Each structure stands twice: as C-alpha cells, then as structure tokens.
Amino acid sequence: MNDNFDEIIDFLLTTVRESNGIEKINLLLKAENSVFKIERNKLSLKYYNFMIEKDLISLDVDNKFRITKNGLDIFNNGGWLKYIKDEKNKLNLLAEKETIDFEKSKIDLELNKWLLKTKWLPHIITIISLLFAVYVYFDSKNDSKKLEERIEKLESKILIPKNESKK
C-alpha cells in the first residue's frame, strides 16, 4: 500500500476514535474537508471496507462507525502508521531470522558431511592413544627392571669391597 493510503487510514482511525462513534455520512464529510479530500465514491468506500476488514472499526446498527478493540489498541500504541512500521520491522526481522536459519543449516550440512567422511578418525585416534599408553606402561616397567638390576649390580660392587675391607 502506498504512504498516502496509510496516512488516510491513520486519519480516519483517529477521527473515529476521537468522535466516539461517528455516523457514516459525517465521517465522509469530515474526510472530504480534511487535507486528503476523500471523495464519496467507491474510492472512499475502499478505505472503510479496509478498516472494517482489518477490524479497526465496525459499523453498528444505527449506521455509526465505532472503533473496535483492535483499532483502539493500534490507536493507543501510536496509530496506524506506527503499526504498519512495526509490522514491516517484524517482517524484516522474520526474514533475517529465516536467512540466518538457512545459513546455519548450510553450515550444519557441511559439518555433517565432514563428520561422515571422518567418522572413524576419532576411533582410530583413540585406539592409537590406547596402544601408546599400553606401550609406555610396559616400557616403563622394563626401564624400572633395568634400573633395579643396575642398582643391584652397583650395590653388589659396593658391598663386596666393603666386605673385603672388613676382613
């Protein structure tokens, strides 16, 4: 919708709200005398039908337009123009969120493809690490045995001369 259309809807919503129930003909005359110069024809009916369709106003039995709860909420929150601006912002945020979700799903897909290619890599690394740990454990036992043998040889060499010296 164009800006002029939204400005007219905002003007009519304000007029209905401030009049607290205005007759259809009076609203048309007020609109004709406004800056917008709305003519009483199918074009002007387009605005009222739009407002009724959006549940901003309703036409009651005595042929008066009254603001609805939805229309009052919009009016109290800054009017139709602010409502339209907020709705556009919501749509922009929603579109941005969808774009971000799409990008995230592309990244997830790439990551999952990589994980499928390398699904055995963590298992292989774990097995290699386990084998290395077992090797280091047994190697350290051999080293400690060798060290123990060296200590015994040194002790025996040291003890033998001491024993000979005591005699």
Foldseek 3Di string as FASTA:
>chain_A
DDPLLLVLLQVLLVVQAVVQWAAPVVSLVVSCPDPSNDDPDVVVVVSVVVCVVVQQWDQDPVRIIHGGPVVVVQVVVPTRVVVVVVVVVVVVVVVVVVVVVVVVVVVVVVVVVVCVVCVCVVVVVVVVVVVVVVVVVVVVVVVVVVVVVVVVVVVVVVVVVVVVVVD
